[in-house]
Amino acid sequence: RAWGQSAPAGRRFARLAGIPFRLLRWPAGTGPNWQNHRFPGTASFVVE
């Protein structure tokens, strides 16, 4: 699951792992939410 600037890297990881990708907004106060707002040009996503 990824959103915004992290979506391209999240999709790439999903393809490499052979698992589905879901474009989902970050819940408030989460680690990826903070990273993607705080550090432009990087990616932070979740693997369930």
ModelCIF file with pLDDT and N, C-alpha, C, O atoms, coordinates in Angstrom:
data_MODEL
#
_entry.id   MODEL 
#
_entity.id                         1 
_entity.type                       polymer 
_entity.pdbx_number_of_molecules   1 
#
_entity_poly.entity_id                      1 
_entity_poly.type                           'polypeptide(L)' 
_entity_poly.nstd_linkage                   no 
_entity_poly.nstd_monomer                   no 
_entity_poly.pdbx_seq_one_letter_code       RAWGQSAPAGRRFARLAGIPFRLLRWPAGTGPNWQNHRFPGTASFVVE 
_entity_poly.pdbx_seq_one_letter_code_can   RAWGQSAPAGRRFARLAGIPFRLLRWPAGTGPNWQNHRFPGTASFVVE 
_entity_poly.pdbx_strand_id                 A 
#
loop_
_entity_poly_seq.entity_id 
_entity_poly_seq.num 
_entity_poly_seq.mon_id 
_entity_poly_seq.hetero 
1 1  ARG n 
1 2  ALA n 
1 3  TRP n 
1 4  GLY n 
1 5  GLN n 
1 6  SER n 
1 7  ALA n 
1 8  PRO n 
1 9  ALA n 
1 10 GLY n 
1 11 ARG n 
1 12 ARG n 
1 13 PHE n 
1 14 ALA n 
1 15 ARG n 
1 16 LEU n 
1 17 ALA n 
1 18 GLY n 
1 19 ILE n 
1 20 PRO n 
1 21 PHE n 
1 22 ARG n 
1 23 LEU n 
1 24 LEU n 
1 25 ARG n 
1 26 TRP n 
1 27 PRO n 
1 28 ALA n 
1 29 GLY n 
1 30 THR n 
1 31 GLY n 
1 32 PRO n 
1 33 ASN n 
1 34 TRP n 
1 35 GLN n 
1 36 ASN n 
1 37 HIS n 
1 38 ARG n 
1 39 PHE n 
1 40 PRO n 
1 41 GLY n 
1 42 THR n 
1 43 ALA n 
1 44 SER n 
1 45 PHE n 
1 46 VAL n 
1 47 VAL n 
1 48 GLU n 
#
_struct_asym.id          A 
_struct_asym.entity_id   1 
#
loop_
_ma_qa_metric.id 
_ma_qa_metric.mode 
_ma_qa_metric.name 
_ma_qa_metric.software_group_id 
_ma_qa_metric.type 
1 global pLDDT . pLDDT 
2 local  pLDDT . pLDDT 
#
_ma_qa_metric_global.metric_id      1 
_ma_qa_metric_global.metric_value   95.42 
_ma_qa_metric_global.model_id       1 
_ma_qa_metric_global.ordinal_id     1 
#
loop_
_ma_qa_metric_local.label_asym_id 
_ma_qa_metric_local.label_comp_id 
_ma_qa_metric_local.label_seq_id 
_ma_qa_metric_local.metric_id 
_ma_qa_metric_local.metric_value 
_ma_qa_metric_local.model_id 
_ma_qa_metric_local.ordinal_id 
A ARG 1  2 97.00 1 1  
A ALA 2  2 97.00 1 2  
A TRP 3  2 95.00 1 3  
A GLY 4  2 93.00 1 4  
A GLN 5  2 94.00 1 5  
A SER 6  2 96.00 1 6  
A ALA 7  2 96.00 1 7  
A PRO 8  2 95.00 1 8  
A ALA 9  2 96.00 1 9  
A GLY 10 2 97.00 1 10 
A ARG 11 2 96.00 1 11 
A ARG 12 2 95.00 1 12 
A PHE 13 2 97.00 1 13 
A ALA 14 2 97.00 1 14 
A ARG 15 2 96.00 1 15 
A LEU 16 2 95.00 1 16 
A ALA 17 2 96.00 1 17 
A GLY 18 2 96.00 1 18 
A ILE 19 2 97.00 1 19 
A PRO 20 2 97.00 1 20 
A PHE 21 2 97.00 1 21 
A ARG 22 2 97.00 1 22 
A LEU 23 2 96.00 1 23 
A LEU 24 2 95.00 1 24 
A ARG 25 2 93.00 1 25 
A TRP 26 2 90.00 1 26 
A PRO 27 2 92.00 1 27 
A ALA 28 2 92.00 1 28 
A GLY 29 2 94.00 1 29 
A THR 30 2 95.00 1 30 
A GLY 31 2 96.00 1 31 
A PRO 32 2 97.00 1 32 
A ASN 33 2 96.00 1 33 
A TRP 34 2 96.00 1 34 
A GLN 35 2 96.00 1 35 
A ASN 36 2 94.00 1 36 
A HIS 37 2 94.00 1 37 
A ARG 38 2 94.00 1 38 
A PHE 39 2 94.00 1 39 
A PRO 40 2 93.00 1 40 
A GLY 41 2 92.00 1 41 
A THR 42 2 95.00 1 42 
A ALA 43 2 96.00 1 43 
A SER 44 2 97.00 1 44 
A PHE 45 2 98.00 1 45 
A VAL 46 2 98.00 1 46 
A VAL 47 2 98.00 1 47 
A GLU 48 2 97.00 1 48 
#
loop_
_atom_site.group_PDB 
_atom_site.id 
_atom_site.type_symbol 
_atom_site.label_atom_id 
_atom_site.label_alt_id 
_atom_site.label_comp_id 
_atom_site.label_asym_id 
_atom_site.label_entity_id 
_atom_site.label_seq_id 
_atom_site.pdbx_PDB_ins_code 
_atom_site.Cartn_x 
_atom_site.Cartn_y 
_atom_site.Cartn_z 
_atom_site.occupancy 
_atom_site.B_iso_or_equiv 
_atom_site.pdbx_formal_charge 
_atom_site.auth_seq_id 
_atom_site.auth_comp_id 
_atom_site.auth_asym_id 
_atom_site.auth_atom_id 
_atom_site.pdbx_PDB_model_num 
ATOM 1   N N  . ARG A 1 1  ? 0.848  -1.190  0.000  1.00 97.00 ? 1  ARG A N  1 
ATOM 2   C CA . ARG A 1 1  ? 0.000  0.000   0.000  1.00 97.00 ? 1  ARG A CA 1 
ATOM 3   C C  . ARG A 1 1  ? 0.885  1.242   0.000  1.00 97.00 ? 1  ARG A C  1 
ATOM 4   O O  . ARG A 1 1  ? 1.846  1.330   0.764  1.00 97.00 ? 1  ARG A O  1 
ATOM 5   N N  . ALA A 1 2  ? 0.553  2.197   -0.861 1.00 97.00 ? 2  ALA A N  1 
ATOM 6   C CA . ALA A 1 2  ? 1.338  3.421   -0.977 1.00 97.00 ? 2  ALA A CA 1 
ATOM 7   C C  . ALA A 1 2  ? 0.431  4.540   -1.459 1.00 97.00 ? 2  ALA A C  1 
ATOM 8   O O  . ALA A 1 2  ? -0.698 4.302   -1.889 1.00 97.00 ? 2  ALA A O  1 
ATOM 9   N N  . TRP A 1 3  ? 0.946  5.776   -1.378 1.00 95.00 ? 3  TRP A N  1 
ATOM 10  C CA . TRP A 1 3  ? 0.174  6.945   -1.782 1.00 95.00 ? 3  TRP A CA 1 
ATOM 11  C C  . TRP A 1 3  ? 1.142  8.071   -2.149 1.00 95.00 ? 3  TRP A C  1 
ATOM 12  O O  . TRP A 1 3  ? 2.242  8.168   -1.604 1.00 95.00 ? 3  TRP A O  1 
ATOM 13  N N  . GLY A 1 4  ? 0.711  8.909   -3.078 1.00 93.00 ? 4  GLY A N  1 
ATOM 14  C CA . GLY A 1 4  ? 1.494  10.095  -3.420 1.00 93.00 ? 4  GLY A CA 1 
ATOM 15  C C  . GLY A 1 4  ? 2.856  9.752   -3.972 1.00 93.00 ? 4  GLY A C  1 
ATOM 16  O O  . GLY A 1 4  ? 2.975  8.905   -4.857 1.00 93.00 ? 4  GLY A O  1 
ATOM 17  N N  . GLN A 1 5  ? 3.898  10.406  -3.453 1.00 94.00 ? 5  GLN A N  1 
ATOM 18  C CA . GLN A 1 5  ? 5.239  10.278  -4.009 1.00 94.00 ? 5  GLN A CA 1 
ATOM 19  C C  . GLN A 1 5  ? 5.818  8.881   -3.838 1.00 94.00 ? 5  GLN A C  1 
ATOM 20  O O  . GLN A 1 5  ? 6.778  8.525   -4.522 1.00 94.00 ? 5  GLN A O  1 
ATOM 21  N N  . SER A 1 6  ? 5.249  8.078   -2.931 1.00 96.00 ? 6  SER A N  1 
ATOM 22  C CA . SER A 1 6  ? 5.787  6.732   -2.706 1.00 96.00 ? 6  SER A CA 1 
ATOM 23  C C  . SER A 1 6  ? 5.161  5.687   -3.617 1.00 96.00 ? 6  SER A C  1 
ATOM 24  O O  . SER A 1 6  ? 5.602  4.537   -3.624 1.00 96.00 ? 6  SER A O  1 
ATOM 25  N N  . ALA A 1 7  ? 4.132  6.063   -4.393 1.00 96.00 ? 7  ALA A N  1 
ATOM 26  C CA . ALA A 1 7  ? 3.423  5.077   -5.204 1.00 96.00 ? 7  ALA A CA 1 
ATOM 27  C C  . ALA A 1 7  ? 4.317  4.396   -6.249 1.00 96.00 ? 7  ALA A C  1 
ATOM 28  O O  . ALA A 1 7  ? 4.246  3.175   -6.385 1.00 96.00 ? 7  ALA A O  1 
ATOM 29  N N  . PRO A 1 8  ? 5.163  5.141   -7.001 1.00 95.00 ? 8  PRO A N  1 
ATOM 30  C CA . PRO A 1 8  ? 5.997  4.445   -7.991 1.00 95.00 ? 8  PRO A CA 1 
ATOM 31  C C  . PRO A 1 8  ? 6.898  3.374   -7.388 1.00 95.00 ? 8  PRO A C  1 
ATOM 32  O O  . PRO A 1 8  ? 6.977  2.265   -7.916 1.00 95.00 ? 8  PRO A O  1 
ATOM 33  N N  . ALA A 1 9  ? 7.580  3.693   -6.284 1.00 96.00 ? 9  ALA A N  1 
ATOM 34  C CA . ALA A 1 9  ? 8.460  2.701   -5.656 1.00 96.00 ? 9  ALA A CA 1 
ATOM 35  C C  . ALA A 1 9  ? 7.644  1.550   -5.074 1.00 96.00 ? 9  ALA A C  1 
ATOM 36  O O  . ALA A 1 9  ? 8.082  0.400   -5.119 1.00 96.00 ? 9  ALA A O  1 
ATOM 37  N N  . GLY A 1 10 ? 6.453  1.849   -4.524 1.00 97.00 ? 10 GLY A N  1 
ATOM 38  C CA . GLY A 1 10 ? 5.596  0.787   -4.003 1.00 97.00 ? 10 GLY A CA 1 
ATOM 39  C C  . GLY A 1 10 ? 5.155  -0.167  -5.090 1.00 97.00 ? 10 GLY A C  1 
ATOM 40  O O  . GLY A 1 10 ? 5.150  -1.384  -4.901 1.00 97.00 ? 10 GLY A O  1 
ATOM 41  N N  . ARG A 1 11 ? 4.779  0.399   -6.245 1.00 96.00 ? 11 ARG A N  1 
ATOM 42  C CA . ARG A 1 11 ? 4.393  -0.463  -7.381 1.00 96.00 ? 11 ARG A CA 1 
ATOM 43  C C  . ARG A 1 11 ? 5.564  -1.335  -7.826 1.00 96.00 ? 11 ARG A C  1 
ATOM 44  O O  . ARG A 1 11 ? 5.393  -2.514  -8.136 1.00 96.00 ? 11 ARG A O  1 
ATOM 45  N N  . ARG A 1 12 ? 6.750  -0.741  -7.852 1.00 95.00 ? 12 ARG A N  1 
ATOM 46  C CA . ARG A 1 12 ? 7.934  -1.499  -8.272 1.00 95.00 ? 12 ARG A CA 1 
ATOM 47  C C  . ARG A 1 12 ? 8.186  -2.668  -7.327 1.00 95.00 ? 12 ARG A C  1 
ATOM 48  O O  . ARG A 1 12 ? 8.469  -3.778  -7.778 1.00 95.00 ? 12 ARG A O  1 
ATOM 49  N N  . PHE A 1 13 ? 8.087  -2.431  -6.023 1.00 97.00 ? 13 PHE A N  1 
ATOM 50  C CA . PHE A 1 13 ? 8.302  -3.507  -5.057 1.00 97.00 ? 13 PHE A CA 1 
ATOM 51  C C  . PHE A 1 13 ? 7.241  -4.591  -5.221 1.00 97.00 ? 13 PHE A C  1 
ATOM 52  O O  . PHE A 1 13 ? 7.553  -5.780  -5.159 1.00 97.00 ? 13 PHE A O  1 
ATOM 53  N N  . ALA A 1 14 ? 5.995  -4.187  -5.429 1.00 97.00 ? 14 ALA A N  1 
ATOM 54  C CA . ALA A 1 14 ? 4.921  -5.172  -5.593 1.00 97.00 ? 14 ALA A CA 1 
ATOM 55  C C  . ALA A 1 14 ? 5.187  -6.075  -6.787 1.00 97.00 ? 14 ALA A C  1 
ATOM 56  O O  . ALA A 1 14 ? 4.971  -7.285  -6.719 1.00 97.00 ? 14 ALA A O  1 
ATOM 57  N N  . ARG A 1 15 ? 5.661  -5.481  -7.889 1.00 96.00 ? 15 ARG A N  1 
ATOM 58  C CA . ARG A 1 15 ? 5.978  -6.303  -9.072 1.00 96.00 ? 15 ARG A CA 1 
ATOM 59  C C  . ARG A 1 15 ? 7.124  -7.261  -8.776 1.00 96.00 ? 15 ARG A C  1 
ATOM 60  O O  . ARG A 1 15 ? 7.074  -8.430  -9.160 1.00 96.00 ? 15 ARG A O  1 
ATOM 61  N N  . LEU A 1 16 ? 8.164  -6.768  -8.092 1.00 95.00 ? 16 LEU A N  1 
ATOM 62  C CA . LEU A 1 16 ? 9.310  -7.628  -7.774 1.00 95.00 ? 16 LEU A CA 1 
ATOM 63  C C  . LEU A 1 16 ? 8.903  -8.785  -6.855 1.00 95.00 ? 16 LEU A C  1 
ATOM 64  O O  . LEU A 1 16 ? 9.423  -9.894  -6.981 1.00 95.00 ? 16 LEU A O  1 
ATOM 65  N N  . ALA A 1 17 ? 7.970  -8.523  -5.927 1.00 96.00 ? 17 ALA A N  1 
ATOM 66  C CA . ALA A 1 17 ? 7.544  -9.551  -4.969 1.00 96.00 ? 17 ALA A CA 1 
ATOM 67  C C  . ALA A 1 17 ? 6.413  -10.415 -5.503 1.00 96.00 ? 17 ALA A C  1 
ATOM 68  O O  . ALA A 1 17 ? 6.106  -11.456 -4.922 1.00 96.00 ? 17 ALA A O  1 
ATOM 69  N N  . GLY A 1 18 ? 5.788  -10.000 -6.598 1.00 96.00 ? 18 GLY A N  1 
ATOM 70  C CA . GLY A 1 18 ? 4.677  -10.761 -7.151 1.00 96.00 ? 18 GLY A CA 1 
ATOM 71  C C  . GLY A 1 18 ? 3.433  -10.711 -6.284 1.00 96.00 ? 18 GLY A C  1 
ATOM 72  O O  . GLY A 1 18 ? 2.712  -11.703 -6.173 1.00 96.00 ? 18 GLY A O  1 
ATOM 73  N N  . ILE A 1 19 ? 3.171  -9.548  -5.660 1.00 97.00 ? 19 ILE A N  1 
ATOM 74  C CA . ILE A 1 19 ? 1.980  -9.377  -4.828 1.00 97.00 ? 19 ILE A CA 1 
ATOM 75  C C  . ILE A 1 19 ? 1.223  -8.146  -5.303 1.00 97.00 ? 19 ILE A C  1 
ATOM 76  O O  . ILE A 1 19 ? 1.814  -7.306  -5.981 1.00 97.00 ? 19 ILE A O  1 
ATOM 77  N N  . PRO A 1 20 ? -0.070 -8.001  -4.976 1.00 97.00 ? 20 PRO A N  1 
ATOM 78  C CA . PRO A 1 20 ? -0.863 -6.871  -5.452 1.00 97.00 ? 20 PRO A CA 1 
ATOM 79  C C  . PRO A 1 20 ? -0.390 -5.531  -4.879 1.00 97.00 ? 20 PRO A C  1 
ATOM 80  O O  . PRO A 1 20 ? 0.273  -5.465  -3.844 1.00 97.00 ? 20 PRO A O  1 
ATOM 81  N N  . PHE A 1 21 ? -0.763 -4.465  -5.603 1.00 97.00 ? 21 PHE A N  1 
ATOM 82  C CA . PHE A 1 21 ? -0.491 -3.097  -5.155 1.00 97.00 ? 21 PHE A CA 1 
ATOM 83  C C  . PHE A 1 21 ? -1.818 -2.382  -4.955 1.00 97.00 ? 21 PHE A C  1 
ATOM 84  O O  . PHE A 1 21 ? -2.744 -2.537  -5.752 1.00 97.00 ? 21 PHE A O  1 
ATOM 85  N N  . ARG A 1 22 ? -1.906 -1.594  -3.882 1.00 97.00 ? 22 ARG A N  1 
ATOM 86  C CA . ARG A 1 22 ? -3.113 -0.828  -3.614 1.00 97.00 ? 22 ARG A CA 1 
ATOM 87  C C  . ARG A 1 22 ? -2.736 0.633   -3.360 1.00 97.00 ? 22 ARG A C  1 
ATOM 88  O O  . ARG A 1 22 ? -1.867 0.931   -2.541 1.00 97.00 ? 22 ARG A O  1 
ATOM 89  N N  . LEU A 1 23 ? -3.403 1.531   -4.073 1.00 96.00 ? 23 LEU A N  1 
ATOM 90  C CA . LEU A 1 23 ? -3.180 2.961   -3.889 1.00 96.00 ? 23 LEU A CA 1 
ATOM 91  C C  . LEU A 1 23 ? -4.128 3.439   -2.790 1.00 96.00 ? 23 LEU A C  1 
ATOM 92  O O  . LEU A 1 23 ? -5.321 3.622   -3.029 1.00 96.00 ? 23 LEU A O  1 
ATOM 93  N N  . LEU A 1 24 ? -3.593 3.639   -1.587 1.00 95.00 ? 24 LEU A N  1 
ATOM 94  C CA . LEU A 1 24 ? -4.415 3.978   -0.416 1.00 95.00 ? 24 LEU A CA 1 
ATOM 95  C C  . LEU A 1 24 ? -3.782 5.147   0.327  1.00 95.00 ? 24 LEU A C  1 
ATOM 96  O O  . LEU A 1 24 ? -2.562 5.205   0.483  1.00 95.00 ? 24 LEU A O  1 
ATOM 97  N N  . ARG A 1 25 ? -4.617 6.079   0.786  1.00 93.00 ? 25 ARG A N  1 
ATOM 98  C CA . ARG A 1 25 ? -4.123 7.212   1.560  1.00 93.00 ? 25 ARG A CA 1 
ATOM 99  C C  . ARG A 1 25 ? -3.561 6.746   2.907  1.00 93.00 ? 25 ARG A C  1 
ATOM 100 O O  . ARG A 1 25 ? -3.964 5.720   3.456  1.00 93.00 ? 25 ARG A O  1 
ATOM 101 N N  . TRP A 1 26 ? -2.601 7.552   3.421  1.00 90.00 ? 26 TRP A N  1 
ATOM 102 C CA . TRP A 1 26 ? -2.004 7.210   4.704  1.00 90.00 ? 26 TRP A CA 1 
ATOM 103 C C  . TRP A 1 26 ? -2.915 7.620   5.847  1.00 90.00 ? 26 TRP A C  1 
ATOM 104 O O  . TRP A 1 26 ? -3.454 8.727   5.828  1.00 90.00 ? 26 TRP A O  1 
ATOM 105 N N  . PRO A 1 27 ? -3.103 6.766   6.838  1.00 92.00 ? 27 PRO A N  1 
ATOM 106 C CA . PRO A 1 27 ? -3.793 7.212   8.048  1.00 92.00 ? 27 PRO A CA 1 
ATOM 107 C C  . PRO A 1 27 ? -3.001 8.317   8.750  1.00 92.00 ? 27 PRO A C  1 
ATOM 108 O O  . PRO A 1 27 ? -1.784 8.408   8.591  1.00 92.00 ? 27 PRO A O  1 
ATOM 109 N N  . ALA A 1 28 ? -3.686 9.149   9.519  1.00 92.00 ? 28 ALA A N  1 
ATOM 110 C CA . ALA A 1 28 ? -3.028 10.238  10.242 1.00 92.00 ? 28 ALA A CA 1 
ATOM 111 C C  . ALA A 1 28 ? -2.029 9.687   11.258 1.00 92.00 ? 28 ALA A C  1 
ATOM 112 O O  . ALA A 1 28 ? -2.296 8.694   11.935 1.00 92.00 ? 28 ALA A O  1 
ATOM 113 N N  . GLY A 1 29 ? -0.867 10.353  11.352 1.00 94.00 ? 29 GLY A N  1 
ATOM 114 C CA . GLY A 1 29 ? 0.110  10.018  12.379 1.00 94.00 ? 29 GLY A CA 1 
ATOM 115 C C  . GLY A 1 29 ? 0.952  8.798   12.122 1.00 94.00 ? 29 GLY A C  1 
ATOM 116 O O  . GLY A 1 29 ? 1.633  8.326   13.033 1.00 94.00 ? 29 GLY A O  1 
ATOM 117 N N  . THR A 1 30 ? 0.933  8.258   10.899 1.00 95.00 ? 30 THR A N  1 
ATOM 118 C CA . THR A 1 30 ? 1.731  7.064   10.600 1.00 95.00 ? 30 THR A CA 1 
ATOM 119 C C  . THR A 1 30 ? 3.139  7.437   10.146 1.00 95.00 ? 30 THR A C  1 
ATOM 120 O O  . THR A 1 30 ? 3.402  8.572   9.747  1.00 95.00 ? 30 THR A O  1 
ATOM 121 N N  . GLY A 1 31 ? 4.043  6.448   10.218 1.00 96.00 ? 31 GLY A N  1 
ATOM 122 C CA . GLY A 1 31 ? 5.414  6.676   9.792  1.00 96.00 ? 31 GLY A CA 1 
ATOM 123 C C  . GLY A 1 31 ? 5.525  7.071   8.335  1.00 96.00 ? 31 GLY A C  1 
ATOM 124 O O  . GLY A 1 31 ? 6.189  8.063   8.038  1.00 96.00 ? 31 GLY A O  1 
ATOM 125 N N  . PRO A 1 32 ? 4.905  6.340   7.398  1.00 97.00 ? 32 PRO A N  1 
ATOM 126 C CA . PRO A 1 32 ? 4.987  6.736   5.994  1.00 97.00 ? 32 PRO A CA 1 
ATOM 127 C C  . PRO A 1 32 ? 4.366  8.111   5.730  1.00 97.00 ? 32 PRO A C  1 
ATOM 128 O O  . PRO A 1 32 ? 4.873  8.860   4.894  1.00 97.00 ? 32 PRO A O  1 
ATOM 129 N N  . ASN A 1 33 ? 3.290  8.453   6.421  1.00 96.00 ? 33 ASN A N  1 
ATOM 130 C CA . ASN A 1 33 ? 2.679  9.773   6.281  1.00 96.00 ? 33 ASN A CA 1 
ATOM 131 C C  . ASN A 1 33 ? 3.711  10.850  6.604  1.00 96.00 ? 33 ASN A C  1 
ATOM 132 O O  . ASN A 1 33 ? 3.901  11.796  5.840  1.00 96.00 ? 33 ASN A O  1 
ATOM 133 N N  . TRP A 1 34 ? 4.369  10.691  7.743  1.00 96.00 ? 34 TRP A N  1 
ATOM 134 C CA . TRP A 1 34 ? 5.375  11.673  8.168  1.00 96.00 ? 34 TRP A CA 1 
ATOM 135 C C  . TRP A 1 34 ? 6.542  11.749  7.192  1.00 96.00 ? 34 TRP A C  1 
ATOM 136 O O  . TRP A 1 34 ? 6.962  12.844  6.818  1.00 96.00 ? 34 TRP A O  1 
ATOM 137 N N  . GLN A 1 35 ? 7.076  10.589  6.771  1.00 96.00 ? 35 GLN A N  1 
ATOM 138 C CA . GLN A 1 35 ? 8.228  10.592  5.878  1.00 96.00 ? 35 GLN A CA 1 
ATOM 139 C C  . GLN A 1 35 ? 7.902  11.228  4.531  1.00 96.00 ? 35 GLN A C  1 
ATOM 140 O O  . GLN A 1 35 ? 8.673  12.047  4.031  1.00 96.00 ? 35 GLN A O  1 
ATOM 141 N N  . ASN A 1 36 ? 6.781  10.862  3.946  1.00 94.00 ? 36 ASN A N  1 
ATOM 142 C CA . ASN A 1 36 ? 6.466  11.359  2.613  1.00 94.00 ? 36 ASN A CA 1 
ATOM 143 C C  . ASN A 1 36 ? 6.151  12.857  2.604  1.00 94.00 ? 36 ASN A C  1 
ATOM 144 O O  . ASN A 1 36 ? 6.320  13.516  1.578  1.00 94.00 ? 36 ASN A O  1 
ATOM 145 N N  . HIS A 1 37 ? 5.696  13.398  3.734  1.00 94.00 ? 37 HIS A N  1 
ATOM 146 C CA . HIS A 1 37 ? 5.501  14.840  3.822  1.00 94.00 ? 37 HIS A CA 1 
ATOM 147 C C  . HIS A 1 37 ? 6.802  15.566  4.170  1.00 94.00 ? 37 HIS A C  1 
ATOM 148 O O  . HIS A 1 37 ? 7.035  16.690  3.726  1.00 94.00 ? 37 HIS A O  1 
ATOM 149 N N  . ARG A 1 38 ? 7.630  14.920  4.956  1.00 94.00 ? 38 ARG A N  1 
ATOM 150 C CA . ARG A 1 38 ? 8.833  15.573  5.482  1.00 94.00 ? 38 ARG A CA 1 
ATOM 151 C C  . ARG A 1 38 ? 10.008 15.516  4.522  1.00 94.00 ? 38 ARG A C  1 
ATOM 152 O O  . ARG A 1 38 ? 10.864 16.400  4.556  1.00 94.00 ? 38 ARG A O  1 
ATOM 153 N N  . PHE A 1 39 ? 10.079 14.479  3.646  1.00 94.00 ? 39 PHE A N  1 
ATOM 154 C CA . PHE A 1 39 ? 11.267 14.283  2.817  1.00 94.00 ? 39 PHE A CA 1 
ATOM 155 C C  . PHE A 1 39 ? 10.876 14.130  1.352  1.00 94.00 ? 39 PHE A C  1 
ATOM 156 O O  . PHE A 1 39 ? 10.708 13.007  0.876  1.00 94.00 ? 39 PHE A O  1 
ATOM 157 N N  . PRO A 1 40 ? 10.728 15.239  0.628  1.00 93.00 ? 40 PRO A N  1 
ATOM 158 C CA . PRO A 1 40 ? 10.387 15.164  -0.797 1.00 93.00 ? 40 PRO A CA 1 
ATOM 159 C C  . PRO A 1 40 ? 11.457 14.401  -1.579 1.00 93.00 ? 40 PRO A C  1 
ATOM 160 O O  . PRO A 1 40 ? 12.640 14.450  -1.240 1.00 93.00 ? 40 PRO A O  1 
ATOM 161 N N  . GLY A 1 41 ? 11.030 13.703  -2.619 1.00 92.00 ? 41 GLY A N  1 
ATOM 162 C CA . GLY A 1 41 ? 11.974 12.976  -3.456 1.00 92.00 ? 41 GLY A CA 1 
ATOM 163 C C  . GLY A 1 41 ? 12.332 11.605  -2.957 1.00 92.00 ? 41 GLY A C  1 
ATOM 164 O O  . GLY A 1 41 ? 13.093 10.893  -3.612 1.00 92.00 ? 41 GLY A O  1 
ATOM 165 N N  . THR A 1 42 ? 11.796 11.202  -1.791 1.00 95.00 ? 42 THR A N  1 
ATOM 166 C CA . THR A 1 42 ? 12.024 9.849   -1.264 1.00 95.00 ? 42 THR A CA 1 
ATOM 167 C C  . THR A 1 42 ? 10.701 9.097   -1.264 1.00 95.00 ? 42 THR A C  1 
ATOM 168 O O  . THR A 1 42 ? 9.660  9.662   -1.600 1.00 95.00 ? 42 THR A O  1 
ATOM 169 N N  . ALA A 1 43 ? 10.742 7.847   -0.894 1.00 96.00 ? 43 ALA A N  1 
ATOM 170 C CA . ALA A 1 43 ? 9.529  7.024   -0.859 1.00 96.00 ? 43 ALA A CA 1 
ATOM 171 C C  . ALA A 1 43 ? 9.482  6.226   0.433  1.00 96.00 ? 43 ALA A C  1 
ATOM 172 O O  . ALA A 1 43 ? 10.492 5.692   0.891  1.00 96.00 ? 43 ALA A O  1 
ATOM 173 N N  . SER A 1 44 ? 8.287  6.154   1.013  1.00 97.00 ? 44 SER A N  1 
ATOM 174 C CA . SER A 1 44 ? 8.067  5.359   2.218  1.00 97.00 ? 44 SER A CA 1 
ATOM 175 C C  . SER A 1 44 ? 6.711  4.679   2.062  1.00 97.00 ? 44 SER A C  1 
ATOM 176 O O  . SER A 1 44 ? 5.683  5.348   1.955  1.00 97.00 ? 44 SER A O  1 
ATOM 177 N N  . PHE A 1 45 ? 6.713  3.346   2.050  1.00 98.00 ? 45 PHE A N  1 
ATOM 178 C CA . PHE A 1 45 ? 5.462  2.634   1.816  1.00 98.00 ? 45 PHE A CA 1 
ATOM 179 C C  . PHE A 1 45 ? 5.359  1.422   2.744  1.00 98.00 ? 45 PHE A C  1 
ATOM 180 O O  . PHE A 1 45 ? 6.313  1.061   3.433  1.00 98.00 ? 45 PHE A O  1 
ATOM 181 N N  . VAL A 1 46 ? 4.186  0.812   2.741  1.00 98.00 ? 46 VAL A N  1 
ATOM 182 C CA . VAL A 1 46 ? 3.875  -0.318  3.637  1.00 98.00 ? 46 VAL A CA 1 
ATOM 183 C C  . VAL A 1 46 ? 3.733  -1.601  2.830  1.00 98.00 ? 46 VAL A C  1 
ATOM 184 O O  . VAL A 1 46 ? 3.145  -1.611  1.748  1.00 98.00 ? 46 VAL A O  1 
ATOM 185 N N  . VAL A 1 47 ? 4.281  -2.678  3.376  1.00 98.00 ? 47 VAL A N  1 
ATOM 186 C CA . VAL A 1 47 ? 4.058  -4.018  2.827  1.00 98.00 ? 47 VAL A CA 1 
ATOM 187 C C  . VAL A 1 47 ? 3.294  -4.811  3.878  1.00 98.00 ? 47 VAL A C  1 
ATOM 188 O O  . VAL A 1 47 ? 3.783  -5.020  4.988  1.00 98.00 ? 47 VAL A O  1 
ATOM 189 N N  . GLU A 1 48 ? 2.087  -5.252  3.517  1.00 97.00 ? 48 GLU A N  1 
ATOM 190 C CA . GLU A 1 48 ? 1.265  -6.088  4.394  1.00 97.00 ? 48 GLU A CA 1 
ATOM 191 C C  . GLU A 1 48 ? 1.491  -7.557  4.029  1.00 97.00 ? 48 GLU A C  1 
ATOM 192 O O  . GLU A 1 48 ? 0.896  -8.444  4.642  1.00 97.00 ? 48 GLU A O  1 
#
